[in-house]
Amino acid sequence: MAAKLHELDLAQLETAIAALHRRGRIEFLQRGMMPEADVFLCRSGGRRFNVKFDLAYGAQVDAVDAFSRQELAELEQALSEAAA
């Protein structure tokens, strides 16, 4: 069973993003940093989203463009599964 997204460590998250990028599931645009968090800027279906990793709270997906809750849940699940 795959871990939940917020349970992944930074290395697992990096692996998952790279795997989904290689598979053509997401487009990885850039990695950035903000205080206490690493941020991965991505795109899926032409729409932008960020994957943020914070040591205290773990990883989370934040929509920049319009995504349904279901689409965000699917992205989270794909990231969790790709990390395994």
Protein backbone atom coordinates (compact mmCIF):
# COMPACT_ATOMS: atom_id res chain seq x y z
CA MET A 1 0.00 0.00 0.00
CA ALA A 2 1.36 3.41 -0.95
CA ALA A 3 2.03 5.99 1.74
CA LYS A 4 -0.16 9.06 1.88
CA LEU A 5 1.34 12.13 0.26
CA HIS A 6 1.96 13.95 3.54
CA GLU A 7 3.91 10.92 4.81
CA LEU A 8 6.54 11.08 2.06
CA ASP A 9 9.98 12.45 2.77
CA LEU A 10 11.70 14.88 0.41
CA ALA A 11 13.69 12.19 -1.42
CA GLN A 12 10.53 10.14 -2.05
CA LEU A 13 8.73 13.23 -3.30
CA GLU A 14 11.58 14.08 -5.68
CA THR A 15 11.49 10.49 -6.99
CA ALA A 16 7.73 10.62 -7.49
CA ILE A 17 7.81 13.93 -9.38
CA ALA A 18 10.63 12.69 -11.62
CA ALA A 19 8.79 9.43 -12.32
CA LEU A 20 5.53 11.17 -13.26
CA HIS A 21 7.48 13.60 -15.43
CA ARG A 22 9.22 10.74 -17.28
CA ARG A 23 5.86 9.03 -17.83
CA GLY A 24 4.41 12.22 -19.32
CA ARG A 25 1.82 12.46 -16.55
CA ILE A 26 3.05 15.86 -15.37
CA GLU A 27 5.38 18.54 -16.63
CA PHE A 28 8.00 19.59 -14.09
CA LEU A 29 8.74 23.29 -14.58
CA GLN A 30 11.03 24.41 -11.77
CA ARG A 31 12.06 23.84 -8.19
CA GLY A 32 12.09 26.71 -5.77
CA MET A 33 12.42 27.35 -2.09
CA MET A 34 10.53 29.47 0.36
CA PRO A 35 11.08 29.72 4.11
CA GLU A 36 10.84 26.22 5.56
CA ALA A 37 9.58 24.60 2.33
CA ASP A 38 10.70 23.24 -1.02
CA VAL A 39 8.29 23.97 -3.85
CA PHE A 40 8.03 22.05 -7.13
CA LEU A 41 6.25 24.01 -9.86
CA CYS A 42 4.41 21.62 -12.17
CA ARG A 43 1.75 21.45 -14.85
CA SER A 44 -0.82 18.80 -15.74
CA GLY A 45 -3.23 19.07 -18.63
CA GLY A 46 -1.92 22.56 -19.33
CA ARG A 47 -2.82 23.74 -15.82
CA ARG A 48 -0.34 24.71 -13.14
CA PHE A 49 -0.04 23.30 -9.66
CA ASN A 50 2.64 23.28 -6.98
CA VAL A 51 3.84 20.46 -4.80
CA LYS A 52 5.08 21.90 -1.53
CA PHE A 53 7.23 19.98 0.95
CA ASP A 54 7.46 21.30 4.49
CA LEU A 55 9.40 19.44 7.19
CA ALA A 56 6.66 20.03 9.75
CA TYR A 57 3.62 19.26 7.58
CA GLY A 58 4.94 17.01 4.81
CA ALA A 59 3.94 17.30 1.18
CA GLN A 60 0.80 18.84 -0.26
CA VAL A 61 -0.54 19.72 -3.69
CA ASP A 62 -1.72 23.31 -4.22
CA ALA A 63 -3.61 24.30 -7.37
CA VAL A 64 -2.47 27.47 -9.13
CA ASP A 65 -5.01 27.11 -11.93
CA ALA A 66 -8.50 25.59 -11.68
CA PHE A 67 -8.57 21.91 -10.65
CA SER A 68 -11.48 19.94 -9.25
CA ARG A 69 -11.09 18.25 -5.88
CA GLN A 70 -11.14 14.92 -7.71
CA GLU A 71 -8.29 15.99 -10.02
CA LEU A 72 -6.17 17.12 -7.07
CA ALA A 73 -6.89 13.86 -5.26
CA GLU A 74 -5.80 11.95 -8.37
CA LEU A 75 -2.55 13.93 -8.53
CA GLU A 76 -1.89 13.23 -4.86
CA GLN A 77 -2.58 9.52 -5.37
CA ALA A 78 -0.33 9.38 -8.44
CA LEU A 79 2.51 11.04 -6.52
CA SER A 80 2.07 8.67 -3.58
CA GLU A 81 2.07 5.62 -5.83
CA ALA A 82 5.06 6.81 -7.87
CA ALA A 83 7.10 7.22 -4.68
CA ALA A 84 6.79 3.52 -3.84
